Amino acid sequence: MFRPLLSFVVAFLFLASGNRANAELLLQSYSPSAHERFTGASFIGTGLNLSGISNSRASVFELNQWATMISPSYFLTATHNAPAIDKSFTFYETNLITGASTNRLVASGVQIAGSDLWLGKLNAPLPSSIATYAIATGNLLGRTIGVVGTSSQLNGQRLGRNVIDGTIPGLTGVAPRPSDVGDVYLFGFNAPGLGADEARVEIGDSGAPSFTLFNGEVLVTGIHWVQTTFRDPSTNIIIGTGSGDTQAGNYAAQIQAAMSSSGESARFVAVPEPTSLALCAAGSLVLIYRRRKRLASQR
């Protein structure tokens, strides 16, 4: 039942920038004070250590690429937007871009298990003042996530939130890399209760992370891969949009194997299900979307 419904109900838009301009992470109601990491006086990420997340865009003409550290030398990003060797990344210790920072170059990288997940390695380990993040494993349905994305500011980072609605194992056929196959989770752009903070990924966000908080720790949940368009199965009419991330925790064995010769390893943390809801088929995603939209209209 699941596979035939997929192409009819959920369409995917590739997030690669190519010749298209970078676009900022979309918020329901954007506020520079709330959603900009480096200039937000009331930043929603205050108190979170985001020092291990970097993006590379140093001019408005440069393709925006991302690195999220999972060990002192290794980072995750998207295969379809993977940085070239010797690409430079700067990691800021605080949420002040004028504060202490460390620069590193990309030394190597590898696609993980034929998916859109790419494991990169820096030319030297980062100091302990820069965070490394464990990766969340388990059923993430219903979890609230922080969604990191592009800012209009050079080297800026924008932060919003969303809720994971469903999963699709073995997503295939996303152009222009139709041979890539990966496990994704989806989050629609209509979540009740998140208000102005609700986020949807845009062109330029490919490779940036989403994360969840568990026992006070920032855990990587996924890496941005696609945008989604949800259609009503009875009418084929578009009823909403959303985003899809490669679910990083589903590749624990492959990530560890790729790092095994380096003396470094990633850390994985099993998180409990935040809800008893266990819907993952495409038709069920439409039902979730309708319910969330109805609840949002009742706020």
Protein backbone atom coordinates (compact mmCIF):
# COMPACT_ATOMS: atom_id res chain seq x y z
CA MET A 1 0.00 0.00 0.00
CA PHE A 2 2.78 2.42 0.87
CA ARG A 3 4.81 2.52 -2.36
CA PRO A 4 1.95 3.16 -4.84
CA LEU A 5 0.62 6.03 -2.73
CA LEU A 6 3.98 7.74 -2.41
CA SER A 7 4.28 9.40 -5.83
CA PHE A 8 0.62 10.36 -5.78
CA VAL A 9 0.51 11.97 -2.36
CA VAL A 10 3.98 13.36 -1.68
CA ALA A 11 6.12 15.06 -4.31
CA PHE A 12 9.74 16.02 -3.64
CA LEU A 13 11.61 19.12 -4.73
CA PHE A 14 15.39 18.84 -4.72
CA LEU A 15 17.16 21.40 -2.53
CA ALA A 16 20.36 21.80 -4.54
CA SER A 17 21.16 25.41 -5.28
CA GLY A 18 22.85 25.01 -8.67
CA ASN A 19 22.48 28.33 -10.43
CA ARG A 20 19.56 29.36 -8.25
CA ALA A 21 20.02 31.97 -5.57
CA ASN A 22 20.31 30.93 -1.95
CA ALA A 23 17.07 31.50 -0.08
CA GLU A 24 16.65 32.06 3.63
CA LEU A 25 15.09 29.47 5.93
CA LEU A 26 11.36 30.21 5.84
CA LEU A 27 9.64 31.05 9.14
CA GLN A 28 5.92 31.47 9.74
CA SER A 29 6.66 34.92 11.11
CA TYR A 30 10.33 35.83 10.81
CA SER A 31 11.92 38.00 13.47
CA PRO A 32 15.62 38.94 13.27
CA SER A 33 15.65 39.23 17.04
CA ALA A 34 14.29 35.70 17.56
CA HIS A 35 15.62 33.67 14.63
CA GLU A 36 19.11 34.94 13.80
CA ARG A 37 21.91 33.17 15.67
CA PHE A 38 24.46 35.96 15.52
CA THR A 39 22.28 39.08 15.79
CA GLY A 40 19.19 37.94 17.68
CA ALA A 41 18.76 39.82 20.94
CA SER A 42 16.05 37.32 21.90
CA PHE A 43 17.42 34.35 19.94
CA ILE A 44 15.38 31.18 20.45
CA GLY A 45 18.62 29.19 20.56
CA THR A 46 20.12 31.12 23.46
CA GLY A 47 21.58 28.60 25.89
CA LEU A 48 22.23 25.99 23.18
CA ASN A 49 25.79 25.24 22.13
CA LEU A 50 25.67 25.64 18.36
CA SER A 51 29.41 26.10 17.93
CA GLY A 52 29.75 22.82 16.02
CA ILE A 53 27.51 24.04 13.17
CA SER A 54 29.13 26.04 10.38
CA ASN A 55 28.17 27.32 6.96
CA SER A 56 30.64 28.43 4.34
CA ARG A 57 29.05 31.30 2.42
CA ALA A 58 31.40 34.28 2.59
CA SER A 59 29.85 36.23 -0.31
CA VAL A 60 26.38 36.57 -1.79
CA PHE A 61 27.61 34.81 -4.94
CA GLU A 62 28.87 31.71 -3.14
CA LEU A 63 26.95 28.47 -2.80
CA ASN A 64 25.93 27.93 0.81
CA GLN A 65 27.32 24.67 2.24
CA TRP A 66 27.18 23.23 5.74
CA ALA A 67 29.15 21.20 8.28
CA THR A 68 27.78 19.74 11.53
CA MET A 69 30.47 18.18 13.72
CA ILE A 70 30.00 14.66 15.13
CA SER A 71 33.62 14.32 16.32
CA PRO A 72 36.61 16.70 16.43
CA SER A 73 37.44 15.97 12.77
CA TYR A 74 34.28 14.58 11.15
CA PHE A 75 31.10 16.34 10.06
CA LEU A 76 27.81 15.52 8.36
CA THR A 77 26.28 17.31 5.38
CA ALA A 78 24.31 16.51 2.21
CA THR A 79 25.80 14.50 -0.64
CA HIS A 80 24.08 16.65 -3.26
CA ASN A 81 25.61 19.78 -1.74
CA ALA A 82 28.90 18.36 -0.47
CA PRO A 83 31.84 20.81 -0.22
CA ALA A 84 34.94 20.48 -2.36
CA ILE A 85 38.31 19.54 -0.91
CA ASP A 86 39.95 22.61 0.69
CA LYS A 87 36.59 24.31 1.22
CA SER A 88 36.90 26.57 4.27
CA PHE A 89 34.57 26.46 7.29
CA THR A 90 34.66 28.78 10.30
CA PHE A 91 33.27 27.63 13.66
CA TYR A 92 32.18 30.28 16.16
CA GLU A 93 32.39 29.42 19.85
CA THR A 94 29.42 31.57 20.84
CA ASN A 95 26.39 33.21 19.25
CA LEU A 96 28.48 36.31 18.59
CA ILE A 97 30.13 36.38 15.19
CA THR A 98 32.73 38.76 16.64
CA GLY A 99 33.71 36.16 19.24
CA ALA A 100 36.42 33.50 19.18
CA SER A 101 36.41 31.23 16.13
CA THR A 102 38.38 28.42 14.49
CA ASN A 103 38.89 27.87 10.77
CA ARG A 104 39.40 24.50 9.09
CA LEU A 105 39.54 23.12 5.54
CA VAL A 106 37.81 20.05 4.15
CA ALA A 107 40.36 17.25 3.67
CA SER A 108 38.15 14.41 2.40
CA GLY A 109 34.66 13.00 2.42
CA VAL A 110 32.51 10.01 1.52
CA GLN A 111 28.87 9.34 0.66
CA ILE A 112 27.21 7.13 3.27
CA ALA A 113 25.49 3.99 1.99
CA GLY A 114 24.40 5.54 -1.32
CA SER A 115 22.24 8.09 0.51
CA ASP A 116 22.22 11.89 0.58
CA LEU A 117 24.21 11.73 3.83
CA TRP A 118 27.87 12.75 3.37
CA LEU A 119 30.60 12.31 5.98
CA GLY A 120 33.34 14.91 5.67
CA LYS A 121 36.69 15.16 7.41
CA LEU A 122 38.56 18.36 8.30
CA ASN A 123 42.27 18.88 7.77
CA ALA A 124 42.85 18.98 11.55
CA PRO A 125 40.75 18.26 14.66
CA LEU A 126 38.83 21.15 16.16
CA PRO A 127 39.64 22.31 19.71
CA SER A 128 37.45 21.23 22.61
CA SER A 129 35.87 24.71 22.65
CA ILE A 130 33.88 23.66 19.55
CA ALA A 131 30.95 21.31 20.18
CA THR A 132 30.53 17.87 18.70
CA TYR A 133 27.07 16.33 18.63
CA ALA A 134 25.74 12.86 19.24
CA ILE A 135 23.21 11.49 16.75
CA ALA A 136 19.69 10.53 17.79
CA THR A 137 18.48 7.02 16.98
CA GLY A 138 15.08 5.42 17.32
CA ASN A 139 11.55 6.38 16.30
CA LEU A 140 11.54 10.19 15.99
CA LEU A 141 7.86 10.59 15.11
CA GLY A 142 6.29 13.47 17.02
CA ARG A 143 9.56 14.97 18.22
CA THR A 144 10.00 18.72 18.19
CA ILE A 145 13.15 19.64 16.27
CA GLY A 146 15.29 22.71 15.83
CA VAL A 147 15.68 23.48 12.13
CA VAL A 148 18.89 25.27 11.09
CA GLY A 149 19.08 27.12 7.79
CA THR A 150 20.37 29.96 5.71
CA SER A 151 20.33 33.59 6.79
CA SER A 152 20.53 36.68 4.61
CA GLN A 153 23.61 37.60 6.65
CA LEU A 154 26.95 36.35 5.33
CA ASN A 155 28.03 33.37 7.45
CA GLY A 156 24.75 33.82 9.30
CA GLN A 157 22.55 31.02 10.62
CA ARG A 158 18.81 31.08 11.04
CA LEU A 159 16.94 28.81 13.49
CA GLY A 160 13.33 27.70 13.62
CA ARG A 161 11.37 24.70 14.89
CA ASN A 162 9.06 21.98 13.60
CA VAL A 163 7.59 18.58 14.50
CA ILE A 164 8.41 15.29 12.72
CA ASP A 165 5.24 13.99 11.05
CA GLY A 166 6.31 10.76 9.38
CA THR A 167 9.06 8.68 7.82
CA ILE A 168 9.76 7.22 4.41
CA PRO A 169 12.33 4.40 4.30
CA GLY A 170 14.34 4.10 1.10
CA LEU A 171 13.31 7.28 -0.71
CA THR A 172 14.55 7.04 -4.31
CA GLY A 173 14.47 8.92 -7.57
CA VAL A 174 15.08 12.48 -6.41
CA ALA A 175 16.60 14.32 -9.38
CA PRO A 176 19.31 15.20 -10.25
CA ARG A 177 20.73 12.26 -8.24
CA PRO A 178 18.07 9.59 -8.91
CA SER A 179 20.39 6.77 -7.86
CA ASP A 180 20.61 8.00 -4.26
CA VAL A 181 18.45 6.04 -1.80
CA GLY A 182 17.91 7.17 1.77
CA ASP A 183 15.66 7.03 4.83
CA VAL A 184 13.93 10.36 5.42
CA TYR A 185 11.59 11.93 7.92
CA LEU A 186 9.11 14.64 6.91
CA PHE A 187 7.85 17.74 8.68
CA GLY A 188 4.99 19.83 7.30
CA PHE A 189 4.72 23.58 7.37
CA ASN A 190 1.57 23.91 9.45
CA ALA A 191 2.31 22.75 13.02
CA PRO A 192 -0.03 24.07 15.72
CA GLY A 193 1.64 25.40 18.82
CA LEU A 194 4.90 26.51 17.20
CA GLY A 195 3.59 29.86 16.01
CA ALA A 196 6.15 32.23 14.53
CA ASP A 197 9.01 29.73 15.02
CA GLU A 198 7.74 27.09 12.58
CA ALA A 199 10.28 26.57 9.78
CA ARG A 200 10.52 25.13 6.27
CA VAL A 201 13.81 24.51 4.47
CA GLU A 202 14.61 26.38 1.25
CA ILE A 203 17.22 26.41 -1.52
CA GLY A 204 20.58 26.91 0.19
CA ASP A 205 19.64 24.92 3.29
CA SER A 206 20.79 21.59 1.83
CA GLY A 207 23.20 19.93 4.26
CA ALA A 208 22.19 21.96 7.31
CA PRO A 209 21.02 19.98 10.35
CA SER A 210 17.93 19.49 12.40
CA PHE A 211 18.32 18.55 16.05
CA THR A 212 16.33 17.62 19.13
CA LEU A 213 16.97 18.13 22.83
CA PHE A 214 17.14 15.06 25.06
CA ASN A 215 18.23 15.24 28.71
CA GLY A 216 19.48 18.75 27.99
CA GLU A 217 21.76 17.62 25.14
CA VAL A 218 21.62 18.74 21.51
CA LEU A 219 21.30 15.61 19.33
CA VAL A 220 21.47 15.66 15.54
CA THR A 221 18.34 14.09 14.05
CA GLY A 222 18.78 14.70 10.33
CA ILE A 223 20.39 16.58 7.45
CA HIS A 224 18.22 18.60 5.04
CA TRP A 225 17.65 16.85 1.72
CA VAL A 226 14.32 17.76 0.03
CA GLN A 227 11.24 19.93 0.10
CA THR A 228 7.87 18.18 0.01
CA THR A 229 4.51 18.90 -1.55
CA PHE A 230 1.57 17.09 0.01
CA ARG A 231 -1.38 16.20 -2.24
CA ASP A 232 -4.86 15.00 -1.38
CA PRO A 233 -5.04 11.38 -2.66
CA SER A 234 -8.66 11.79 -3.76
CA THR A 235 -8.21 15.00 -5.76
CA ASN A 236 -4.43 15.28 -6.34
CA ILE A 237 -4.73 18.90 -5.19
CA ILE A 238 -1.76 20.30 -3.27
CA ILE A 239 -2.80 20.77 0.35
CA GLY A 240 0.49 21.83 1.86
CA THR A 241 4.27 21.90 1.80
CA GLY A 242 7.04 20.71 4.06
CA SER A 243 10.59 19.42 4.31
CA GLY A 244 12.50 16.14 4.36
CA ASP A 245 15.73 15.26 6.15
CA THR A 246 17.95 12.20 5.81
CA GLN A 247 17.52 10.41 9.15
CA ALA A 248 21.12 10.29 10.33
CA GLY A 249 20.57 7.76 13.11
CA ASN A 250 19.57 5.07 10.61
CA TYR A 251 23.18 5.00 9.35
CA ALA A 252 25.02 4.41 12.62
CA ALA A 253 26.92 1.33 11.46
CA GLN A 254 27.99 2.89 8.16
CA ILE A 255 29.12 6.13 9.80
CA GLN A 256 31.17 4.25 12.42
CA ALA A 257 32.74 2.05 9.74
CA ALA A 258 33.77 5.10 7.70
CA MET A 259 35.46 6.63 10.77
CA SER A 260 36.98 3.42 12.13
CA SER A 261 40.54 3.91 10.87
CA SER A 262 40.85 7.44 12.24
CA GLY A 263 40.80 6.81 15.97
CA GLU A 264 37.65 8.94 16.25
CA SER A 265 34.08 7.71 16.50
CA ALA A 266 30.58 9.11 16.49
CA ARG A 267 28.24 8.82 19.46
CA PHE A 268 24.64 7.64 19.12
CA VAL A 269 21.86 8.18 21.67
CA ALA A 270 18.60 6.23 21.63
CA VAL A 271 15.69 8.55 22.37
CA PRO A 272 12.28 7.35 23.52
CA GLU A 273 9.21 7.89 21.40
CA PRO A 274 7.56 11.19 22.38
CA THR A 275 4.15 9.96 21.23
CA SER A 276 2.26 6.73 20.71
CA LEU A 277 1.39 7.89 17.20
CA ALA A 278 3.10 5.58 14.71
CA LEU A 279 1.95 6.67 11.26
CA CYS A 280 4.50 6.50 8.46
CA ALA A 281 2.69 5.69 5.20
CA ALA A 282 2.10 8.42 2.64
CA GLY A 283 -1.67 8.32 3.09
CA SER A 284 -1.20 8.67 6.84
CA LEU A 285 1.00 11.71 6.27
CA VAL A 286 -1.89 13.41 4.51
CA LEU A 287 -4.15 12.66 7.47
CA ILE A 288 -1.56 14.12 9.84
CA TYR A 289 -1.27 17.21 7.66
CA ARG A 290 -5.03 17.73 7.59
CA ARG A 291 -5.30 17.31 11.36
CA ARG A 292 -2.44 19.73 12.04
CA LYS A 293 -3.96 22.27 9.65
CA ARG A 294 -7.35 21.96 11.36
CA LEU A 295 -5.80 22.41 14.79
CA ALA A 296 -3.80 25.41 13.57
CA SER A 297 -7.01 27.06 12.32
CA GLN A 298 -8.52 26.63 15.78
CA ARG A 299 -5.73 28.47 17.60
